[in-house]
Protein backbone atom coordinates (compact mmCIF):
# COMPACT_ATOMS: atom_id res chain seq x y z
CA UNK A 1 0.00 0.00 0.00
CA UNK A 2 2.81 2.40 0.84
CA UNK A 3 4.28 1.90 -2.63
CA UNK A 4 0.95 2.78 -4.26
CA UNK A 5 0.63 5.92 -2.13
CA UNK A 6 4.16 6.99 -3.05
CA UNK A 7 3.51 6.30 -6.74
CA UNK A 8 0.29 8.31 -6.59
CA UNK A 9 2.04 11.24 -4.92
CA UNK A 10 4.88 11.13 -7.44
CA UNK A 11 2.42 11.04 -10.33
CA UNK A 12 0.50 14.00 -8.96
CA UNK A 13 3.73 15.91 -8.42
CA UNK A 14 4.89 15.23 -11.97
CA UNK A 15 1.52 16.25 -13.39
CA UNK A 16 1.62 19.47 -11.39
CA UNK A 17 5.08 20.39 -12.63
CA UNK A 18 4.09 19.50 -16.21
CA UNK A 19 1.08 21.78 -15.98
CA UNK A 20 3.28 24.59 -14.65
CA UNK A 21 5.79 24.11 -17.48
CA UNK A 22 3.00 24.05 -20.06
CA UNK A 23 1.52 27.24 -18.60
CA UNK A 24 4.95 28.91 -18.62
CA UNK A 25 5.42 27.88 -22.27
CA UNK A 26 1.99 29.20 -23.25
CA UNK A 27 2.60 32.46 -21.35
CA UNK A 28 5.95 32.86 -23.09
CA UNK A 29 4.39 32.27 -26.47
CA UNK A 30 1.61 34.78 -25.77
CA UNK A 31 4.18 37.30 -24.53
CA UNK A 32 6.21 36.91 -27.73
CA UNK A 33 3.09 37.42 -29.85
CA UNK A 34 2.21 40.57 -27.90
CA UNK A 35 5.74 41.94 -28.19
CA UNK A 36 5.72 41.25 -31.93
CA UNK A 37 2.40 43.07 -32.32
CA UNK A 38 3.67 45.97 -30.21
CA UNK A 39 6.82 46.19 -32.33
CA UNK A 40 4.74 46.16 -35.51
CA UNK A 41 2.51 48.97 -34.27
CA UNK A 42 5.52 50.98 -33.07
CA UNK A 43 7.23 50.60 -36.45
CA UNK A 44 4.07 51.58 -38.31
CA UNK A 45 3.61 54.60 -36.06
CA UNK A 46 7.25 55.60 -36.58
CA UNK A 47 6.76 55.22 -40.35
CA UNK A 48 3.93 57.74 -40.27
CA UNK A 49 0.93 55.40 -40.39
CA UNK A 50 -2.10 56.41 -38.36
CA UNK A 51 -2.14 54.11 -35.35
CA UNK A 52 -4.79 53.96 -32.66
CA UNK A 53 -3.03 54.75 -29.38
CA UNK A 54 -5.56 52.56 -27.62
CA UNK A 55 -4.21 49.52 -29.45
CA UNK A 56 -0.71 50.17 -28.10
CA UNK A 57 -2.07 50.79 -24.60
CA UNK A 58 -4.08 47.55 -24.75
CA UNK A 59 -0.99 45.55 -25.75
CA UNK A 60 1.05 47.11 -22.96
CA UNK A 61 -1.71 46.39 -20.43
CA UNK A 62 -1.86 42.76 -21.52
CA UNK A 63 1.93 42.48 -21.28
CA UNK A 64 1.76 44.01 -17.80
CA UNK A 65 -0.73 41.30 -16.83
CA UNK A 66 1.51 38.53 -18.10
CA UNK A 67 4.61 39.99 -16.47
CA UNK A 68 2.90 40.51 -13.12
CA UNK A 69 1.94 36.85 -12.99
CA UNK A 70 5.47 35.84 -13.88
CA UNK A 71 8.06 35.64 -11.12
CA UNK A 72 10.98 35.26 -13.50
CA UNK A 73 13.46 38.11 -12.99
CA UNK A 74 14.88 37.90 -16.51
CA UNK A 75 11.70 39.32 -18.05
CA UNK A 76 12.27 42.93 -19.14
CA UNK A 77 10.07 45.50 -17.49
CA UNK A 78 7.13 46.56 -19.63
CA UNK A 79 7.61 50.13 -18.44
CA UNK A 80 10.84 50.15 -20.48
CA UNK A 81 8.82 49.11 -23.51
CA UNK A 82 6.23 51.82 -22.82
CA UNK A 83 8.93 54.46 -22.45
CA UNK A 84 10.43 53.36 -25.75
CA UNK A 85 7.06 53.55 -27.46
CA UNK A 86 6.57 57.07 -26.07
CA UNK A 87 10.05 58.07 -27.21
CA UNK A 88 9.23 57.01 -30.77
CA UNK A 89 6.21 59.31 -30.94
């Protein structure tokens, strides 16, 4: 019985860490998509295209949400991105 309990605990632990890794991967992918979209809008704005400022603000807000849920210190601060976007205008 003890072996079965240990196996069950190990399985649950592995499933939990797999779910966390999957979530981290999905968050990273979403973050990359948002950064790409933000870069595209910033480039278009810099090139003189009419860009809705609300679209940039929405992307930055969504990035803020992802970064606040992430405890990884290597993620760049979104405020740096926002300052760069303001500097381009």
